[in-house]
Amino acid sequence: MTHLSVEMLAADATVPITSAGHAQLGIAVLAGIAVIVLLITKFKLHAFLSLIIGSLVLGAVAGAPLDKAIASFSTGLGTTVAGTGVLIALGAILGRLLADSGGADQIVDTILARSSGRAMPWAMVLIAGIVGLPIFFEVGIVLLIPVVLLVAKRGNFSLMRIGIPALAGLSVMHGLIPPHPGPLVAIDAVGANLGITLALGVVVAVPTAIIAGPVFSRYAARWVDVRPPEKMVPERASADLEKRPGFGITVATVLLPVVMMLVKALVDVVVDDPEAAVQQVFDVVGSPLIALLTAVIVAMFTLGRAAGFSRGRTAATVEKSLAPIAGVVLIVGAGGGFKQTLVDCGVGQMILDVSKGWHISTLLLAWLIAVAIRLATGSATVATISAAGLVAPLAADMSTTHVALLVLAIGCGSLFFSHVNDAGFWLVKEYFGMSVGQTLKTWSVMETLISVVGIGCVLLLSLVV
């Protein structure tokens, strides 16, 4: 992954489906987003349908042929469901096994017994940071959601007080810390040192996660007082269970996919040879799909069998887990479709073209470019890749530490203000049972805090290192 260059990615980029100028594209973006928000908030149309209509409006205003706009949306939806959708399904199965076997009860009871009310948000951000170190944000969510919802319900906490710290820990890891793909691509693009970037990334990540997580959650809980949605909360384990799995084996099962993906990331860094047999093996073993699938199979024994489940009951548990997340998968997929329509219309390239005339600090320039692309396309990865490619030539005259800070500045910008064109926005909205407005006031503000606090820390570090 460290050899995946921006030039290679650019070579794979598609030709824009419209020849519209910058002004027309800007109007198209605003029109598409406005239609989505209006349909959902004013007309109460389902988010899945609203995203489809918003994508078509975007393409029409941008002057794209209707068939190509439809193809872009379908491609984005298919790609997102093929990746994120499968992971959500596997995570739902693991979560249901965790709940029905009594394993989730065991974790929650242990956390509530050993942590005071004030310490709970801090415990959640720490757990999320550890879990989120080697894995994608979406995978981290599906692993942590059962625990977050149960802790909030059993402890009688506002969901925001518990959920925001967990989301902050996951998001900070995703945007700033290698071995996540975004930071790795940026490291390679600008020629940064992996070890220095990782060390400085931790320095930036810790205060950022604290401010955007436990600290901000106090205010988020006042602004949006929501309780865990009943359809998403794992039910308490049945009273007829012979026993429930122990705390240690339960935690080990939940962390199994995390460990598998972390080992894969370490092998990538240490071996760093795509042709090596050991790296090829761990590329498969540590892929999110295989890691979560393995955890599900293992959970059938460590959780299901430990609770006395028969084969029939295990099968019934798996079947019950899939129905509640069907709507979530479709909405997240539609969000990916809208994002792909934006990208294929050339919105990302428009931002790059406009930003070429900016004359400011390199670190701040990198952050602003990533912010603009993130706002326009909704993709943190697209923002990271594009911004890294644009500012890479400027890294030639920078010190080793400042090149590492350049990577972190790009990562901070790529997280700015997630909204309706980001699949992650819809994932959080549906899992937490919030409205669009509530999600904007909590999740979107949290992401903005991460971005702003992060770049502030980066600029401060640039003065002393």
Protein backbone atom coordinates (compact mmCIF):
# COMPACT_ATOMS: atom_id res chain seq x y z
CA MET A 1 0.00 0.00 0.00
CA THR A 2 2.90 2.36 0.69
CA HIS A 3 3.82 2.20 -3.00
CA LEU A 4 0.35 3.25 -4.19
CA SER A 5 1.22 6.59 -5.73
CA VAL A 6 -0.98 9.50 -6.65
CA GLU A 7 0.15 9.16 -10.27
CA MET A 8 -1.19 5.60 -10.34
CA LEU A 9 -4.47 6.72 -8.85
CA ALA A 10 -4.74 9.63 -11.28
CA ALA A 11 -4.19 7.27 -14.19
CA ASP A 12 -7.24 5.29 -13.08
CA ALA A 13 -9.43 8.40 -12.77
CA THR A 14 -12.42 8.56 -15.06
CA VAL A 15 -12.99 11.32 -17.60
CA PRO A 16 -15.67 13.74 -16.29
CA ILE A 17 -19.13 12.97 -17.65
CA THR A 18 -19.82 16.68 -18.23
CA SER A 19 -17.88 19.58 -19.71
CA ALA A 20 -19.54 22.16 -17.44
CA GLY A 21 -17.51 25.10 -16.20
CA HIS A 22 -16.62 25.72 -12.57
CA ALA A 23 -19.56 28.02 -11.91
CA GLN A 24 -22.08 25.55 -13.31
CA LEU A 25 -20.55 22.70 -11.31
CA GLY A 26 -20.69 24.77 -8.14
CA ILE A 27 -24.37 25.52 -8.72
CA ALA A 28 -25.01 21.83 -9.45
CA VAL A 29 -23.42 20.76 -6.16
CA LEU A 30 -25.51 23.26 -4.18
CA ALA A 31 -28.68 22.23 -6.04
CA GLY A 32 -28.14 18.52 -5.45
CA ILE A 33 -27.45 18.95 -1.74
CA ALA A 34 -30.37 21.38 -1.32
CA VAL A 35 -32.80 18.95 -2.97
CA ILE A 36 -31.70 16.09 -0.70
CA VAL A 37 -32.03 18.14 2.48
CA LEU A 38 -35.39 19.64 1.39
CA LEU A 39 -36.91 16.28 0.43
CA ILE A 40 -35.91 14.66 3.71
CA THR A 41 -36.70 17.51 6.10
CA LYS A 42 -39.66 19.25 4.45
CA PHE A 43 -41.39 16.49 2.52
CA LYS A 44 -40.35 13.61 4.81
CA LEU A 45 -39.25 11.50 1.85
CA HIS A 46 -37.14 8.46 2.66
CA ALA A 47 -33.40 9.20 2.54
CA PHE A 48 -32.80 6.45 -0.02
CA LEU A 49 -35.21 8.01 -2.51
CA SER A 50 -34.03 11.53 -1.71
CA LEU A 51 -30.42 10.63 -2.48
CA ILE A 52 -31.41 9.12 -5.83
CA ILE A 53 -33.37 12.23 -6.83
CA GLY A 54 -30.62 14.55 -5.55
CA SER A 55 -28.04 12.71 -7.64
CA LEU A 56 -30.16 13.06 -10.78
CA VAL A 57 -30.70 16.77 -10.10
CA LEU A 58 -26.94 17.21 -9.65
CA GLY A 59 -26.23 15.52 -12.97
CA ALA A 60 -28.95 17.46 -14.79
CA VAL A 61 -27.81 20.88 -13.53
CA ALA A 62 -24.19 19.98 -14.33
CA GLY A 63 -25.22 19.18 -17.90
CA ALA A 64 -24.35 15.49 -17.71
CA PRO A 65 -26.21 13.03 -19.99
CA LEU A 66 -28.92 11.35 -17.95
CA ASP A 67 -27.70 7.84 -18.76
CA LYS A 68 -24.19 8.67 -17.56
CA ALA A 69 -25.49 10.28 -14.37
CA ILE A 70 -27.53 7.15 -13.67
CA ALA A 71 -24.51 4.96 -14.40
CA SER A 72 -22.35 7.01 -12.00
CA PHE A 73 -24.92 6.74 -9.23
CA SER A 74 -25.36 3.00 -9.79
CA THR A 75 -21.60 2.44 -9.80
CA GLY A 76 -21.16 4.33 -6.56
CA LEU A 77 -24.07 2.54 -4.91
CA GLY A 78 -22.79 -0.85 -6.04
CA THR A 79 -19.23 -0.18 -4.95
CA THR A 80 -20.32 1.08 -1.54
CA VAL A 81 -22.71 -1.82 -0.89
CA ALA A 82 -20.14 -4.35 -2.12
CA GLY A 83 -17.60 -3.00 0.35
CA THR A 84 -19.34 -1.34 3.27
CA GLY A 85 -22.64 -3.21 2.90
CA VAL A 86 -21.09 -6.64 3.34
CA LEU A 87 -19.11 -5.42 6.33
CA ILE A 88 -22.26 -3.97 7.90
CA ALA A 89 -24.02 -7.33 7.43
CA LEU A 90 -21.16 -9.30 8.97
CA GLY A 91 -20.92 -6.79 11.80
CA ALA A 92 -24.66 -7.14 12.42
CA ILE A 93 -24.33 -10.92 12.66
CA LEU A 94 -21.44 -10.60 15.09
CA GLY A 95 -23.40 -8.05 17.10
CA ARG A 96 -26.47 -10.30 17.29
CA LEU A 97 -24.40 -13.29 18.39
CA LEU A 98 -22.75 -11.04 20.95
CA ALA A 99 -26.15 -9.93 22.25
CA ASP A 100 -28.13 -13.18 22.17
CA SER A 101 -25.37 -15.20 23.82
CA GLY A 102 -25.11 -12.80 26.73
CA GLY A 103 -21.61 -11.70 25.68
CA ALA A 104 -22.68 -8.08 25.22
CA ASP A 105 -24.34 -8.19 28.64
CA GLN A 106 -21.07 -9.43 30.08
CA ILE A 107 -19.06 -6.59 28.51
CA VAL A 108 -21.58 -3.91 29.47
CA ASP A 109 -22.00 -5.17 33.03
CA THR A 110 -18.22 -5.22 33.47
CA ILE A 111 -17.77 -1.71 32.05
CA LEU A 112 -20.61 -0.28 34.15
CA ALA A 113 -19.26 -1.98 37.28
CA ARG A 114 -15.72 -0.67 36.84
CA SER A 115 -16.35 2.79 35.40
CA SER A 116 -18.14 5.69 37.01
CA GLY A 117 -20.60 7.81 35.06
CA ARG A 118 -18.04 10.58 34.53
CA ALA A 119 -15.38 8.16 33.34
CA MET A 120 -17.61 6.40 30.81
CA PRO A 121 -17.06 8.82 27.87
CA TRP A 122 -13.30 8.61 28.45
CA ALA A 123 -13.45 4.83 28.51
CA MET A 124 -15.38 4.84 25.22
CA VAL A 125 -12.93 7.11 23.38
CA LEU A 126 -10.02 4.94 24.60
CA ILE A 127 -11.72 1.72 23.49
CA ALA A 128 -12.64 3.24 20.11
CA GLY A 129 -9.11 4.51 19.57
CA ILE A 130 -7.64 1.08 20.19
CA VAL A 131 -10.22 -0.73 18.08
CA GLY A 132 -10.00 1.87 15.30
CA LEU A 133 -6.20 1.81 14.99
CA PRO A 134 -5.93 -0.75 12.18
CA ILE A 135 -9.45 -0.77 10.69
CA PHE A 136 -11.76 1.32 8.54
CA PHE A 137 -14.21 3.66 10.24
CA GLU A 138 -17.22 1.68 8.99
CA VAL A 139 -15.83 -1.59 10.36
CA GLY A 140 -15.15 0.04 13.72
CA ILE A 141 -18.73 1.28 13.89
CA VAL A 142 -20.28 -2.12 13.29
CA LEU A 143 -17.99 -3.65 15.92
CA LEU A 144 -18.69 -1.02 18.58
CA ILE A 145 -22.36 -0.18 17.96
CA PRO A 146 -23.77 -3.04 20.11
CA VAL A 147 -21.58 -2.03 23.05
CA VAL A 148 -22.28 1.72 22.64
CA LEU A 149 -26.05 1.23 22.46
CA LEU A 150 -26.17 -1.17 25.39
CA VAL A 151 -23.96 0.99 27.62
CA ALA A 152 -26.15 4.01 26.86
CA LYS A 153 -29.36 2.13 27.58
CA ARG A 154 -28.29 0.18 30.66
CA GLY A 155 -26.41 3.10 32.19
CA ASN A 156 -29.24 5.52 31.34
CA PHE A 157 -26.82 7.79 29.47
CA SER A 158 -27.66 10.11 26.61
CA LEU A 159 -26.62 8.34 23.44
CA MET A 160 -24.55 11.37 22.47
CA ARG A 161 -22.60 11.21 25.74
CA ILE A 162 -21.45 7.69 24.90
CA GLY A 163 -21.63 7.63 21.10
CA ILE A 164 -19.74 10.84 20.28
CA PRO A 165 -16.54 9.78 22.12
CA ALA A 166 -16.62 6.42 20.32
CA LEU A 167 -17.13 8.09 16.92
CA ALA A 168 -14.38 10.62 17.65
CA GLY A 169 -11.88 7.91 18.54
CA LEU A 170 -12.65 5.99 15.35
CA SER A 171 -12.63 9.06 13.08
CA VAL A 172 -9.35 10.47 14.38
CA MET A 173 -7.62 7.14 13.83
CA HIS A 174 -9.09 6.88 10.32
CA GLY A 175 -7.92 10.30 9.19
CA LEU A 176 -4.56 10.75 10.91
CA ILE A 177 -2.88 7.51 11.85
CA PRO A 178 -1.11 5.03 9.54
CA PRO A 179 -1.73 2.22 8.57
CA HIS A 180 -5.05 3.63 7.38
CA PRO A 181 -5.06 3.90 3.57
CA GLY A 182 -5.54 7.69 3.41
CA PRO A 183 -2.50 8.60 5.52
CA LEU A 184 -0.42 5.90 3.78
CA VAL A 185 -1.20 7.28 0.32
CA ALA A 186 -0.40 10.81 1.48
CA ILE A 187 2.87 9.63 3.06
CA ASP A 188 3.93 8.05 -0.20
CA ALA A 189 2.80 11.01 -2.32
CA VAL A 190 4.80 13.63 -0.41
CA GLY A 191 7.71 11.36 0.54
CA ALA A 192 7.12 11.50 4.29
CA ASN A 193 8.77 9.25 6.86
CA LEU A 194 6.25 6.68 8.10
CA GLY A 195 7.64 6.43 11.65
CA ILE A 196 7.81 10.20 12.18
CA THR A 197 4.33 10.66 10.74
CA LEU A 198 2.97 7.96 13.05
CA ALA A 199 4.64 9.52 16.11
CA LEU A 200 3.48 13.05 15.33
CA GLY A 201 0.06 11.68 14.38
CA VAL A 202 -0.37 10.27 17.87
CA VAL A 203 0.65 13.64 19.38
CA VAL A 204 -2.03 15.36 17.29
CA ALA A 205 -4.64 12.61 17.69
CA VAL A 206 -4.73 12.48 21.50
CA PRO A 207 -5.82 16.09 22.26
CA THR A 208 -8.01 16.13 19.15
CA ALA A 209 -9.91 13.00 20.18
CA ILE A 210 -10.31 14.31 23.74
CA ILE A 211 -11.77 17.66 22.67
CA ALA A 212 -14.00 16.26 19.90
CA GLY A 213 -15.00 13.24 22.01
CA PRO A 214 -15.58 13.40 25.79
CA VAL A 215 -15.48 17.21 25.98
CA PHE A 216 -17.79 17.92 23.02
CA SER A 217 -20.15 15.11 23.99
CA ARG A 218 -21.30 17.20 26.97
CA TYR A 219 -22.65 19.85 24.62
CA ALA A 220 -23.88 17.39 22.00
CA ALA A 221 -25.96 15.65 24.67
CA ARG A 222 -27.63 18.98 25.53
CA TRP A 223 -28.31 19.89 21.90
CA VAL A 224 -29.63 16.47 20.90
CA ASP A 225 -31.08 14.33 23.67
CA VAL A 226 -31.75 11.01 21.98
CA ARG A 227 -32.00 7.54 23.37
CA PRO A 228 -30.78 4.39 21.65
CA PRO A 229 -33.27 3.39 18.89
CA GLU A 230 -35.09 0.24 19.98
CA LYS A 231 -34.73 -1.44 16.57
CA MET A 232 -30.94 -1.15 16.78
CA VAL A 233 -30.39 -1.99 20.46
CA PRO A 234 -29.41 -5.62 20.96
CA GLU A 235 -31.95 -7.35 23.14
CA ARG A 236 -30.93 -8.58 26.56
CA ALA A 237 -29.92 -12.20 26.42
CA SER A 238 -32.74 -14.63 27.03
CA ALA A 239 -33.28 -15.77 30.58
CA ASP A 240 -33.28 -19.42 29.45
CA LEU A 241 -29.57 -19.37 28.67
CA GLU A 242 -27.65 -22.10 30.49
CA LYS A 243 -24.77 -19.66 30.98
CA ARG A 244 -23.09 -16.80 29.19
CA PRO A 245 -19.54 -16.49 27.84
CA GLY A 246 -16.87 -14.99 30.06
CA PHE A 247 -15.62 -11.42 29.73
CA GLY A 248 -12.18 -12.44 28.48
CA ILE A 249 -13.33 -14.75 25.67
CA THR A 250 -16.00 -12.25 24.63
CA VAL A 251 -13.53 -9.37 24.33
CA ALA A 252 -11.07 -11.65 22.53
CA THR A 253 -13.76 -12.54 19.98
CA VAL A 254 -14.65 -8.90 19.36
CA LEU A 255 -10.99 -7.94 19.00
CA LEU A 256 -10.12 -10.89 16.73
CA PRO A 257 -10.82 -8.99 13.46
CA VAL A 258 -8.99 -5.97 14.84
CA VAL A 259 -5.91 -8.06 15.57
CA MET A 260 -6.04 -9.75 12.15
CA MET A 261 -6.16 -6.41 10.36
CA LEU A 262 -3.46 -4.93 12.58
CA VAL A 263 -1.11 -7.86 11.85
CA LYS A 264 -1.75 -7.37 8.14
CA ALA A 265 -0.87 -3.68 8.44
CA LEU A 266 2.33 -4.47 10.34
CA VAL A 267 3.37 -7.02 7.73
CA ASP A 268 2.78 -4.42 5.01
CA VAL A 269 5.08 -1.99 6.79
CA VAL A 270 7.81 -4.49 7.77
CA VAL A 271 7.92 -6.62 4.62
CA ASP A 272 6.89 -3.89 2.16
CA ASP A 273 7.08 -6.23 -0.83
CA PRO A 274 3.80 -6.94 -2.66
CA GLU A 275 5.41 -9.94 -4.36
CA ALA A 276 6.45 -11.60 -1.08
CA ALA A 277 4.40 -14.69 -0.22
CA VAL A 278 3.98 -13.71 3.43
CA GLN A 279 2.56 -10.31 2.50
CA GLN A 280 0.20 -11.83 -0.04
CA VAL A 281 -1.10 -14.26 2.59
CA PHE A 282 -1.71 -11.53 5.16
CA ASP A 283 -3.28 -9.27 2.53
CA VAL A 284 -6.01 -11.90 2.34
CA VAL A 285 -6.13 -12.89 6.02
CA GLY A 286 -6.17 -9.28 7.19
CA SER A 287 -8.72 -7.95 4.71
CA PRO A 288 -11.85 -6.56 6.46
CA LEU A 289 -14.11 -9.12 4.78
CA ILE A 290 -12.06 -12.16 5.82
CA ALA A 291 -11.33 -10.76 9.29
CA LEU A 292 -15.01 -10.14 10.08
CA LEU A 293 -16.11 -13.42 8.48
CA THR A 294 -13.57 -15.27 10.62
CA ALA A 295 -14.80 -13.46 13.73
CA VAL A 296 -18.40 -14.43 12.93
CA ILE A 297 -17.50 -18.11 12.53
CA VAL A 298 -15.41 -18.09 15.70
CA ALA A 299 -18.23 -16.31 17.57
CA MET A 300 -20.61 -19.15 16.73
CA PHE A 301 -18.44 -21.34 18.97
CA THR A 302 -16.95 -18.96 21.57
CA LEU A 303 -20.26 -17.15 22.11
CA GLY A 304 -23.06 -19.34 20.75
CA ARG A 305 -21.84 -22.73 21.92
CA ALA A 306 -20.65 -21.22 25.22
CA ALA A 307 -24.23 -20.07 25.83
CA GLY A 308 -25.62 -23.49 24.95
CA PHE A 309 -26.94 -22.60 21.48
CA SER A 310 -27.97 -25.43 19.20
CA ARG A 311 -27.21 -25.25 15.49
CA GLY A 312 -30.81 -24.26 14.81
CA ARG A 313 -30.72 -21.44 17.32
CA THR A 314 -27.42 -20.15 15.92
CA ALA A 315 -28.93 -20.13 12.42
CA ALA A 316 -32.00 -18.28 13.71
CA THR A 317 -29.79 -15.69 15.39
CA VAL A 318 -27.94 -15.05 12.13
CA GLU A 319 -31.22 -14.70 10.24
CA LYS A 320 -32.65 -12.23 12.79
CA SER A 321 -29.57 -10.03 12.57
CA LEU A 322 -29.96 -9.11 8.90
CA ALA A 323 -33.48 -7.66 8.72
CA PRO A 324 -32.88 -4.50 10.82
CA ILE A 325 -29.89 -3.36 8.76
CA ALA A 326 -31.43 -3.63 5.28
CA GLY A 327 -32.48 0.02 5.28
CA VAL A 328 -29.12 1.12 6.61
CA VAL A 329 -27.27 -0.65 3.79
CA LEU A 330 -29.48 0.95 1.11
CA ILE A 331 -29.12 4.46 2.53
CA VAL A 332 -25.36 4.16 2.94
CA GLY A 333 -25.14 2.77 -0.60
CA ALA A 334 -27.18 5.68 -1.96
CA GLY A 335 -24.85 8.08 -0.17
CA GLY A 336 -21.98 6.41 -1.99
CA GLY A 337 -23.88 6.81 -5.25
CA PHE A 338 -24.31 10.55 -4.70
CA LYS A 339 -20.61 10.88 -3.89
CA GLN A 340 -19.64 9.03 -7.09
CA THR A 341 -21.88 11.31 -9.15
CA LEU A 342 -20.06 14.31 -7.68
CA VAL A 343 -16.68 12.81 -8.48
CA ASP A 344 -17.61 11.77 -12.03
CA CYS A 345 -19.01 15.23 -12.79
CA GLY A 346 -15.54 16.61 -12.11
CA VAL A 347 -16.22 18.44 -8.85
CA GLY A 348 -12.97 17.25 -7.26
CA GLN A 349 -10.93 18.46 -10.24
CA MET A 350 -12.78 21.78 -10.10
CA ILE A 351 -11.62 22.31 -6.52
CA LEU A 352 -8.05 21.45 -7.49
CA ASP A 353 -8.10 23.93 -10.39
CA VAL A 354 -9.48 26.75 -8.28
CA SER A 355 -7.01 26.17 -5.44
CA LYS A 356 -3.92 26.47 -7.65
CA GLY A 357 -4.01 30.25 -7.30
CA TRP A 358 -3.96 30.30 -3.51
CA HIS A 359 -0.80 31.77 -1.89
CA ILE A 360 -0.64 30.84 1.80
CA SER A 361 1.28 28.59 4.21
CA THR A 362 1.85 25.15 2.71
CA LEU A 363 0.33 23.38 5.75
CA LEU A 364 -2.74 25.60 5.73
CA LEU A 365 -3.01 25.34 1.93
CA ALA A 366 -3.01 21.54 2.13
CA TRP A 367 -5.70 21.64 4.80
CA LEU A 368 -7.92 24.06 2.85
CA ILE A 369 -7.66 22.05 -0.37
CA ALA A 370 -8.59 18.86 1.48
CA VAL A 371 -11.49 20.70 3.19
CA ALA A 372 -12.85 21.97 -0.13
CA ILE A 373 -12.69 18.56 -1.79
CA ARG A 374 -14.19 16.86 1.27
CA LEU A 375 -17.13 19.31 1.30
CA ALA A 376 -17.72 18.86 -2.41
CA THR A 377 -17.32 15.10 -2.78
CA GLY A 378 -18.01 13.74 0.71
CA SER A 379 -15.03 11.39 0.47
CA ALA A 380 -12.16 11.67 2.93
CA THR A 381 -10.08 9.36 0.74
CA VAL A 382 -10.65 11.42 -2.43
CA ALA A 383 -9.82 14.59 -0.48
CA THR A 384 -6.60 13.06 0.87
CA ILE A 385 -5.41 11.72 -2.49
CA SER A 386 -6.22 14.91 -4.41
CA ALA A 387 -4.72 17.29 -1.87
CA ALA A 388 -1.58 15.19 -1.51
CA GLY A 389 -1.06 15.17 -5.27
CA LEU A 390 -1.42 18.94 -5.51
CA VAL A 391 0.97 19.90 -2.68
CA ALA A 392 3.50 17.08 -3.21
CA PRO A 393 5.93 19.30 -5.18
CA LEU A 394 6.02 21.77 -2.28
CA ALA A 395 7.34 19.09 0.07
CA ALA A 396 10.73 19.02 -1.69
CA ASP A 397 12.03 22.01 0.27
CA MET A 398 10.54 21.03 3.63
CA SER A 399 12.25 19.31 6.58
CA THR A 400 11.46 15.69 7.42
CA THR A 401 9.22 16.61 10.34
CA HIS A 402 7.37 19.28 8.36
CA VAL A 403 6.70 16.82 5.54
CA ALA A 404 5.12 14.52 8.14
CA LEU A 405 3.05 17.46 9.39
CA LEU A 406 1.97 18.08 5.79
CA VAL A 407 0.45 14.58 5.72
CA LEU A 408 -1.39 15.28 8.99
CA ALA A 409 -2.68 18.63 7.71
CA ILE A 410 -4.16 16.84 4.69
CA GLY A 411 -5.69 14.19 6.94
CA CYS A 412 -7.29 16.83 9.18
CA GLY A 413 -8.80 18.62 6.19
CA SER A 414 -10.23 15.39 4.82
CA LEU A 415 -12.46 15.02 7.90
CA PHE A 416 -14.09 18.47 7.80
CA PHE A 417 -17.91 18.71 8.16
CA SER A 418 -19.33 15.41 6.98
CA HIS A 419 -22.80 16.01 5.55
CA VAL A 420 -25.38 14.50 3.19
CA ASN A 421 -22.90 13.53 0.45
CA ASP A 422 -20.92 11.32 2.83
CA ALA A 423 -21.96 7.69 3.28
CA GLY A 424 -20.63 7.86 6.85
CA PHE A 425 -23.17 10.57 7.64
CA TRP A 426 -26.05 8.25 6.79
CA LEU A 427 -24.44 5.34 8.61
CA VAL A 428 -24.28 7.33 11.86
CA LYS A 429 -27.75 8.79 11.35
CA GLU A 430 -29.41 5.41 10.92
CA TYR A 431 -27.53 3.57 13.64
CA PHE A 432 -28.24 6.31 16.19
CA GLY A 433 -31.81 6.93 15.05
CA MET A 434 -31.36 10.68 14.49
CA SER A 435 -32.89 13.14 12.05
CA VAL A 436 -30.79 14.92 9.43
CA GLY A 437 -30.76 18.07 11.58
CA GLN A 438 -29.70 16.18 14.70
CA THR A 439 -26.92 14.42 12.79
CA LEU A 440 -25.64 17.76 11.49
CA LYS A 441 -25.60 19.24 15.02
CA THR A 442 -23.70 16.30 16.49
CA TRP A 443 -21.78 14.13 14.05
CA SER A 444 -21.04 16.91 11.53
CA VAL A 445 -19.94 19.35 14.22
CA MET A 446 -17.77 16.65 15.80
CA GLU A 447 -16.04 16.00 12.49
CA THR A 448 -15.46 19.74 12.06
CA LEU A 449 -13.98 19.94 15.55
CA ILE A 450 -11.59 17.11 14.73
CA SER A 451 -10.51 18.93 11.57
CA VAL A 452 -10.08 22.36 13.16
CA VAL A 453 -8.46 21.19 16.41
CA GLY A 454 -6.23 18.86 14.42
CA ILE A 455 -4.90 21.56 12.08
CA GLY A 456 -4.43 23.83 15.10
CA CYS A 457 -2.22 21.19 16.73
CA VAL A 458 -0.33 20.67 13.47
CA LEU A 459 0.39 24.40 13.10
CA LEU A 460 1.53 24.61 16.73
CA LEU A 461 3.83 21.62 16.27
CA SER A 462 5.29 23.26 13.16
CA LEU A 463 6.57 26.08 15.38
CA VAL A 464 8.55 23.78 17.68
CA VAL A 465 9.73 20.82 15.56
